């Protein structure tokens, strides 16, 4: 019954959405979880509360030789969020995150966990500046998810590779640069991520700076951006010969209503035991990996000005990761290509082909792990 229910909802989405006019959404300048607009003057406490939700529904069909036509209906994520506007400058946000897991008896269950729970003070010292404390969105993943726009397809590279998570407990300061020249965020957090408690005394610092150098020119030129990110910390786990944990990312791109395109290069340094379980790496105490990736979203309706194409996107993404620079044939490559459709501002779908290929020695010398190939149909609902 659960797969049937998921399938029914997934395929009924287009029919429900056709009752509304498709509305192309012009993407705003990318920014990591910008402060919410001030709540209107409240006559009761209910006027100070805002509720929202988001769900990612998926059907996937495996094409790889080893998969033998396996296919699945599932719900990848469910987010429930509430915001309380104590004043026009102070708000509290709580987000619950639920995803599919298996319990000890092998049953499929949805377990909810706290994704964010923080207090925010905005316009602190200067307009557009905010301070947050609690379990909060971090500097990189939420920013890039806003830029990409199709998080429903799956996690972005640094998240998918396991190098950066999206939330952690700590402090953050951020905001917009004057005259729309960009945005920034700096975090000081425990470093273990929102799913794990602090193991010891060590903390992690993350910082992102996005600059729109041509903002003053207006028009399409204002969509050019350059982003730099760095995070530095140490692992608290016992028995490690080395504790270093750092990531550096550089990204350039262009964002506008008809086109979003970005390319990035990343370097990650880790204690060897912390990555050995995920990847094929050498025996050195410190492992340095690097990767590059790029993605693009073309708003066909906006670009062609053809009413029949309104709401249609063409999307593509390529990821390349080498987990250890000193080890050969350990690479992972991901390719995604598909078509998205925005039924309205609350519903969007994507149908795409995804393949993951591996270096010859991933999993062992001469293993030649077969490539994964799959078709995916996914729909995002939100309100």
Protein backbone atom coordinates (compact mmCIF):
# COMPACT_ATOMS: atom_id res chain seq x y z
CA UNK A 1 0.00 0.00 0.00
CA UNK A 2 2.81 2.44 0.76
CA UNK A 3 4.38 2.26 -2.73
CA UNK A 4 0.90 2.48 -4.32
CA UNK A 5 0.06 5.56 -2.28
CA UNK A 6 3.38 7.21 -3.15
CA UNK A 7 2.88 6.41 -6.84
CA UNK A 8 -0.64 7.82 -6.81
CA UNK A 9 0.46 11.08 -5.28
CA UNK A 10 3.48 11.33 -7.58
CA UNK A 11 1.46 10.85 -10.75
CA UNK A 12 -1.52 12.93 -9.61
CA UNK A 13 0.77 15.93 -9.10
CA UNK A 14 0.58 17.09 -12.73
CA UNK A 15 -3.21 16.78 -12.79
CA UNK A 16 -3.59 18.76 -9.60
CA UNK A 17 -1.14 21.38 -10.75
CA UNK A 18 -2.84 21.93 -14.12
CA UNK A 19 -5.73 23.50 -12.24
CA UNK A 20 -3.35 26.39 -11.58
CA UNK A 21 -1.39 28.55 -13.97
CA UNK A 22 2.26 27.60 -14.27
CA UNK A 23 4.32 30.44 -12.95
CA UNK A 24 7.98 30.75 -13.96
CA UNK A 25 9.98 31.75 -10.96
CA UNK A 26 12.90 34.11 -11.53
CA UNK A 27 15.67 32.97 -9.21
CA UNK A 28 16.84 35.56 -6.70
CA UNK A 29 20.55 36.07 -6.11
CA UNK A 30 21.74 32.92 -4.34
CA UNK A 31 22.11 33.31 -0.60
CA UNK A 32 22.36 30.80 2.20
CA UNK A 33 19.12 30.91 4.21
CA UNK A 34 18.56 34.70 4.12
CA UNK A 35 16.68 36.21 7.06
CA UNK A 36 12.92 35.96 6.63
CA UNK A 37 10.85 39.06 5.99
CA UNK A 38 9.45 40.76 9.06
CA UNK A 39 6.08 39.48 10.20
CA UNK A 40 3.15 41.88 9.91
CA UNK A 41 1.84 43.61 12.99
CA UNK A 42 0.31 40.85 15.08
CA UNK A 43 -3.09 40.89 16.68
CA UNK A 44 -2.54 37.47 18.28
CA UNK A 45 0.24 34.92 18.66
CA UNK A 46 -1.03 32.98 15.62
CA UNK A 47 -0.20 35.97 13.40
CA UNK A 48 3.42 35.61 14.50
CA UNK A 49 3.70 31.96 13.42
CA UNK A 50 4.50 30.72 9.90
CA UNK A 51 4.25 27.02 8.99
CA UNK A 52 5.71 25.38 5.89
CA UNK A 53 6.52 21.92 4.59
CA UNK A 54 8.39 20.21 1.77
CA UNK A 55 8.48 16.62 0.47
CA UNK A 56 10.57 14.84 -2.19
CA UNK A 57 8.82 11.91 -3.90
CA UNK A 58 10.78 9.54 -6.17
CA UNK A 59 10.43 6.63 -8.53
CA UNK A 60 13.72 5.13 -9.73
CA UNK A 61 14.47 2.32 -12.15
CA UNK A 62 17.91 0.69 -12.15
CA UNK A 63 19.44 -0.01 -15.57
CA UNK A 64 22.85 -1.36 -14.50
CA UNK A 65 23.75 -4.95 -15.30
CA UNK A 66 24.05 -5.85 -11.61
CA UNK A 67 20.73 -4.24 -10.63
CA UNK A 68 18.53 -6.61 -12.67
CA UNK A 69 15.79 -4.02 -13.30
CA UNK A 70 15.28 -3.13 -9.63
CA UNK A 71 12.89 -0.24 -9.15
CA UNK A 72 11.46 1.66 -6.21
CA UNK A 73 8.84 4.15 -5.09
CA UNK A 74 9.87 6.15 -2.04
CA UNK A 75 9.82 9.50 -0.28
CA UNK A 76 13.38 10.76 0.00
CA UNK A 77 12.77 13.59 2.44
CA UNK A 78 10.00 15.33 4.37
CA UNK A 79 10.66 18.70 5.99
CA UNK A 80 8.28 20.37 8.44
CA UNK A 81 9.19 23.91 9.45
CA UNK A 82 7.78 26.49 11.82
CA UNK A 83 8.87 30.05 12.44
CA UNK A 84 7.90 32.31 15.31
CA UNK A 85 8.40 36.07 14.88
CA UNK A 86 8.87 37.39 18.40
CA UNK A 87 9.50 40.91 17.05
CA UNK A 88 10.21 42.43 13.67
CA UNK A 89 13.90 41.60 14.22
CA UNK A 90 13.85 38.39 16.26
CA UNK A 91 12.57 35.02 15.11
CA UNK A 92 12.91 31.36 16.06
CA UNK A 93 12.99 28.59 13.46
CA UNK A 94 12.45 24.87 13.98
CA UNK A 95 12.78 22.35 11.12
CA UNK A 96 12.11 18.61 11.41
CA UNK A 97 13.70 16.31 8.82
CA UNK A 98 12.30 12.86 8.07
CA UNK A 99 13.69 10.27 5.69
CA UNK A 100 13.40 6.57 4.90
CA UNK A 101 15.38 4.21 7.09
CA UNK A 102 15.16 0.59 8.26
CA UNK A 103 14.67 -0.47 11.84
CA UNK A 104 16.15 -3.59 13.47
CA UNK A 105 13.42 -5.81 12.06
CA UNK A 106 13.95 -4.56 8.52
CA UNK A 107 10.72 -2.58 8.29
CA UNK A 108 10.65 0.68 6.34
CA UNK A 109 10.02 3.59 8.69
CA UNK A 110 10.27 7.37 8.61
CA UNK A 111 12.23 8.77 11.53
CA UNK A 112 12.12 12.50 12.23
CA UNK A 113 15.11 14.43 13.55
CA UNK A 114 15.79 18.08 14.27
CA UNK A 115 17.42 19.67 11.20
CA UNK A 116 17.44 23.20 12.59
CA UNK A 117 16.42 24.94 15.79
CA UNK A 118 17.87 28.41 16.12
CA UNK A 119 17.13 31.96 17.19
CA UNK A 120 17.96 34.77 14.78
CA UNK A 121 18.45 38.48 15.36
CA UNK A 122 18.54 40.46 12.12
CA UNK A 123 19.67 43.99 11.22
CA UNK A 124 22.23 43.65 13.98
CA UNK A 125 24.68 46.59 13.85
CA UNK A 126 23.90 47.06 10.13
CA UNK A 127 20.88 46.43 7.92
CA UNK A 128 20.88 42.93 6.42
CA UNK A 129 23.27 41.51 9.03
CA UNK A 130 22.03 38.57 11.09
CA UNK A 131 23.23 36.56 14.08
CA UNK A 132 22.05 32.99 14.70
CA UNK A 133 22.53 30.55 17.56
CA UNK A 134 21.44 26.92 17.82
CA UNK A 135 21.24 24.11 15.26
CA UNK A 136 21.64 26.24 12.17
CA UNK A 137 22.04 26.07 8.35
CA UNK A 138 25.74 26.10 7.49
CA UNK A 139 27.59 28.30 5.06
CA UNK A 140 27.90 26.10 1.96
CA UNK A 141 25.25 23.43 1.32
CA UNK A 142 22.10 25.56 1.82
CA UNK A 143 23.63 28.32 -0.32
CA UNK A 144 24.41 25.97 -3.21
CA UNK A 145 21.05 24.17 -2.96
CA UNK A 146 19.34 27.54 -3.51
CA UNK A 147 21.59 28.17 -6.49
CA UNK A 148 21.01 24.74 -8.10
CA UNK A 149 17.26 24.73 -7.45
CA UNK A 150 16.78 20.98 -7.96
CA UNK A 151 17.70 19.55 -4.58
CA UNK A 152 14.82 17.12 -5.14
CA UNK A 153 17.11 15.24 -7.57
CA UNK A 154 19.59 14.43 -4.80
CA UNK A 155 22.35 15.93 -2.64
CA UNK A 156 24.90 18.28 -4.18
CA UNK A 157 28.51 17.10 -4.59
CA UNK A 158 30.15 18.06 -1.28
CA UNK A 159 27.16 16.64 0.59
CA UNK A 160 26.88 13.53 -1.57
CA UNK A 161 30.61 12.87 -1.21
CA UNK A 162 30.30 13.13 2.57
CA UNK A 163 32.64 16.10 3.05
CA UNK A 164 30.20 18.80 4.21
CA UNK A 165 26.85 18.55 5.94
CA UNK A 166 24.03 21.09 5.79
CA UNK A 167 23.52 21.94 9.48
CA UNK A 168 25.29 21.85 12.84
CA UNK A 169 24.99 23.36 16.30
CA UNK A 170 26.83 26.60 17.01
CA UNK A 171 26.87 30.29 16.09
CA UNK A 172 26.63 32.05 12.72
CA UNK A 173 26.86 35.61 11.45
CA UNK A 174 26.02 36.56 7.91
CA UNK A 175 24.10 38.82 5.60
CA UNK A 176 24.12 40.72 2.34
CA UNK A 177 26.85 42.96 1.00
CA UNK A 178 25.85 46.58 0.21
CA UNK A 179 24.26 47.41 -3.16
CA UNK A 180 23.58 43.74 -4.00
CA UNK A 181 27.27 42.94 -4.34
CA UNK A 182 26.86 39.52 -2.75
CA UNK A 183 26.50 37.76 0.59
CA UNK A 184 28.53 36.03 3.28
CA UNK A 185 28.24 33.70 6.25
CA UNK A 186 30.67 32.61 8.96
CA UNK A 187 29.97 29.71 11.36
CA UNK A 188 31.58 28.40 14.52
CA UNK A 189 30.18 24.92 15.21
CA UNK A 190 30.88 21.64 16.98
CA UNK A 191 31.95 20.08 13.67
CA UNK A 192 30.25 16.69 13.95
CA UNK A 193 27.11 17.76 12.06
CA UNK A 194 23.49 18.01 13.20
CA UNK A 195 23.05 14.22 13.44
CA UNK A 196 25.84 13.75 15.99
CA UNK A 197 26.71 15.16 19.41
CA UNK A 198 29.98 16.89 20.26
CA UNK A 199 32.70 14.31 20.97
CA UNK A 200 35.22 16.62 22.62
CA UNK A 201 36.64 20.11 22.80
CA UNK A 202 37.48 20.80 19.14
CA UNK A 203 35.37 23.12 16.99
CA UNK A 204 35.09 23.94 13.28
CA UNK A 205 35.07 27.31 11.51
CA UNK A 206 33.34 27.71 8.15
CA UNK A 207 33.23 30.83 6.00
CA UNK A 208 31.67 31.68 2.63
CA UNK A 209 31.91 34.89 0.61
CA UNK A 210 29.92 35.39 -2.59
CA UNK A 211 30.65 38.45 -4.70
CA UNK A 212 28.67 39.80 -7.67
CA UNK A 213 31.40 42.03 -9.14
CA UNK A 214 29.22 43.52 -11.89
CA UNK A 215 26.16 44.25 -9.73
CA UNK A 216 26.31 47.97 -10.43
CA UNK A 217 25.86 47.36 -14.18
CA UNK A 218 22.42 45.80 -13.71
CA UNK A 219 20.80 43.46 -16.23
CA UNK A 220 22.38 40.12 -17.08
CA UNK A 221 25.86 41.28 -16.08
CA UNK A 222 24.76 41.51 -12.46
CA UNK A 223 24.27 37.73 -12.42
CA UNK A 224 28.00 36.96 -12.64
CA UNK A 225 29.30 35.70 -9.29
CA UNK A 226 32.45 34.38 -7.65
CA UNK A 227 32.29 32.37 -4.42
CA UNK A 228 34.99 31.22 -2.04
CA UNK A 229 34.56 28.84 0.89
CA UNK A 230 36.82 27.41 3.55
CA UNK A 231 36.31 25.25 6.63
CA UNK A 232 38.93 24.29 9.16
CA UNK A 233 38.77 22.06 12.22
CA UNK A 234 40.00 18.85 13.80
CA UNK A 235 38.39 15.49 14.53
CA UNK A 236 37.70 14.59 18.17
CA UNK A 237 37.67 10.81 17.67
CA UNK A 238 40.05 8.85 19.89
CA UNK A 239 43.04 6.99 18.49
CA UNK A 240 43.63 9.10 15.38
CA UNK A 241 47.24 9.59 14.28
CA UNK A 242 46.20 12.85 12.57
CA UNK A 243 43.16 15.03 13.25
CA UNK A 244 43.14 17.59 10.42
CA UNK A 245 39.85 18.37 8.69
CA UNK A 246 39.70 21.11 6.07
CA UNK A 247 37.83 21.98 2.89
CA UNK A 248 38.48 24.74 0.35
CA UNK A 249 36.12 25.49 -2.54
CA UNK A 250 36.23 28.03 -5.35
CA UNK A 251 33.20 28.55 -7.56
CA UNK A 252 32.34 30.84 -10.47
CA UNK A 253 29.08 31.13 -12.32
CA UNK A 254 26.17 33.09 -13.68
CA UNK A 255 22.60 33.30 -12.40
CA UNK A 256 19.62 34.84 -14.16
CA UNK A 257 16.00 34.03 -14.96
CA UNK A 258 16.81 32.13 -18.21
CA UNK A 259 20.07 30.48 -17.15
CA UNK A 260 21.96 29.33 -14.06
CA UNK A 261 25.40 27.81 -14.54
CA UNK A 262 28.21 27.18 -12.05
CA UNK A 263 31.53 25.37 -11.88
CA UNK A 264 33.57 24.57 -8.77
CA UNK A 265 36.86 23.03 -7.67
CA UNK A 266 37.23 21.59 -4.16
CA UNK A 267 40.07 20.25 -2.03
CA UNK A 268 39.47 18.21 1.15
CA UNK A 269 42.02 17.06 3.73
CA UNK A 270 41.11 14.41 6.31
CA UNK A 271 42.44 11.94 8.82
CA UNK A 272 42.79 8.66 6.91
CA UNK A 273 40.41 6.51 9.02
CA UNK A 274 37.61 9.07 8.52
CA UNK A 275 37.51 8.52 4.74
CA UNK A 276 38.76 4.93 4.43
CA UNK A 277 35.28 3.54 5.03
CA UNK A 278 33.85 5.52 2.10
CA UNK A 279 36.62 5.50 -0.48
CA UNK A 280 39.71 3.73 -1.76
CA UNK A 281 42.61 5.65 -0.20
CA UNK A 282 46.26 5.11 0.71
CA UNK A 283 47.86 4.40 4.09
CA UNK A 284 49.09 7.92 4.90
CA UNK A 285 47.81 9.46 8.12
CA UNK A 286 46.47 12.45 6.17
CA UNK A 287 44.50 12.01 2.95
CA UNK A 288 44.03 14.85 0.47
CA UNK A 289 41.26 14.49 -2.05
CA UNK A 290 40.05 16.87 -4.72
CA UNK A 291 37.13 17.16 -7.07
CA UNK A 292 35.50 19.37 -9.64
CA UNK A 293 31.89 19.70 -10.64
CA UNK A 294 29.53 21.84 -12.65
CA UNK A 295 25.80 22.20 -13.18
CA UNK A 296 23.40 24.17 -15.35
CA UNK A 297 19.68 24.91 -15.41
CA UNK A 298 18.18 26.40 -18.59
CA UNK A 299 14.74 27.96 -18.23
CA UNK A 300 13.48 27.10 -21.72
CA UNK A 301 10.29 29.13 -21.47
CA UNK A 302 12.11 32.27 -20.34
CA UNK A 303 14.80 31.82 -22.99
CA UNK A 304 12.48 31.07 -25.90
CA UNK A 305 9.55 33.31 -24.87
CA UNK A 306 7.28 30.50 -26.14
CA UNK A 307 4.16 30.11 -23.96
CA UNK A 308 4.02 26.37 -24.66
CA UNK A 309 7.47 25.96 -23.04
CA UNK A 310 6.64 27.96 -19.93
CA UNK A 311 7.83 26.15 -16.81
CA UNK A 312 10.20 23.80 -18.66
CA UNK A 313 13.83 23.49 -17.52
CA UNK A 314 16.70 21.52 -19.02
CA UNK A 315 19.16 20.46 -16.31
CA UNK A 316 22.61 18.90 -16.37
CA UNK A 317 25.31 18.15 -13.81
CA UNK A 318 28.73 16.48 -13.77
CA UNK A 319 30.77 15.54 -10.68
CA UNK A 320 34.32 14.16 -10.61
CA UNK A 321 36.02 13.10 -7.38
CA UNK A 322 39.49 11.74 -6.69
CA UNK A 323 39.42 10.82 -2.96
CA UNK A 324 43.21 10.49 -2.62
CA UNK A 325 45.67 12.32 -4.85
CA UNK A 326 48.41 9.72 -4.38
CA UNK A 327 46.22 6.74 -5.33
CA UNK A 328 45.44 5.98 -8.96
CA UNK A 329 42.22 4.59 -10.40
CA UNK A 330 40.13 5.61 -7.37
CA UNK A 331 37.87 8.13 -9.11
CA UNK A 332 34.09 8.55 -9.05
CA UNK A 333 32.18 10.26 -11.83
CA UNK A 334 28.52 11.28 -11.79
CA UNK A 335 26.50 12.49 -14.77
CA UNK A 336 22.93 13.76 -14.56
CA UNK A 337 20.83 15.00 -17.48
CA UNK A 338 17.11 15.60 -17.55
CA UNK A 339 14.08 17.82 -17.95
CA UNK A 340 12.31 19.64 -15.14
CA UNK A 341 8.88 21.22 -15.07
CA UNK A 342 7.56 23.82 -12.65
CA UNK A 343 3.82 23.16 -12.42
CA UNK A 344 3.45 26.23 -10.20
CA UNK A 345 5.38 27.87 -7.37
CA UNK A 346 4.62 24.93 -5.05
CA UNK A 347 5.23 21.88 -7.27
CA UNK A 348 8.11 20.95 -9.54
CA UNK A 349 9.10 17.66 -11.16
CA UNK A 350 12.19 16.29 -12.85
CA UNK A 351 12.74 13.27 -15.07
CA UNK A 352 16.40 12.42 -15.55
CA UNK A 353 19.04 9.86 -16.36
CA UNK A 354 21.83 9.35 -13.81
CA UNK A 355 25.01 7.32 -14.11
CA UNK A 356 27.87 6.78 -11.67
CA UNK A 357 31.14 5.27 -12.94
CA UNK A 358 34.17 4.16 -10.92
CA UNK A 359 37.93 3.90 -11.35
CA UNK A 360 39.34 0.42 -12.00
CA UNK A 361 40.67 0.00 -8.45
CA UNK A 362 37.69 1.30 -6.46
CA UNK A 363 36.98 -1.39 -3.88
CA UNK A 364 40.26 -3.17 -4.56
CA UNK A 365 42.97 -3.46 -7.21
CA UNK A 366 41.47 -4.50 -10.53
CA UNK A 367 37.94 -4.68 -9.14
CA UNK A 368 36.40 -2.80 -12.08
CA UNK A 369 33.23 -1.99 -10.19
CA UNK A 370 30.37 -1.76 -12.71
CA UNK A 371 28.74 1.57 -13.42
CA UNK A 372 25.39 2.44 -11.87
CA UNK A 373 22.72 3.59 -14.30
CA UNK A 374 19.20 4.64 -13.42
CA UNK A 375 16.19 6.59 -14.52
CA UNK A 376 14.53 8.82 -11.92
CA UNK A 377 11.21 10.62 -11.76
CA UNK A 378 10.91 12.98 -8.82
CA UNK A 379 8.48 15.60 -7.60
CA UNK A 380 8.87 18.28 -4.95
CA UNK A 381 5.81 19.53 -3.09
CA UNK A 382 6.01 22.55 -0.80
CA UNK A 383 3.79 25.10 0.86
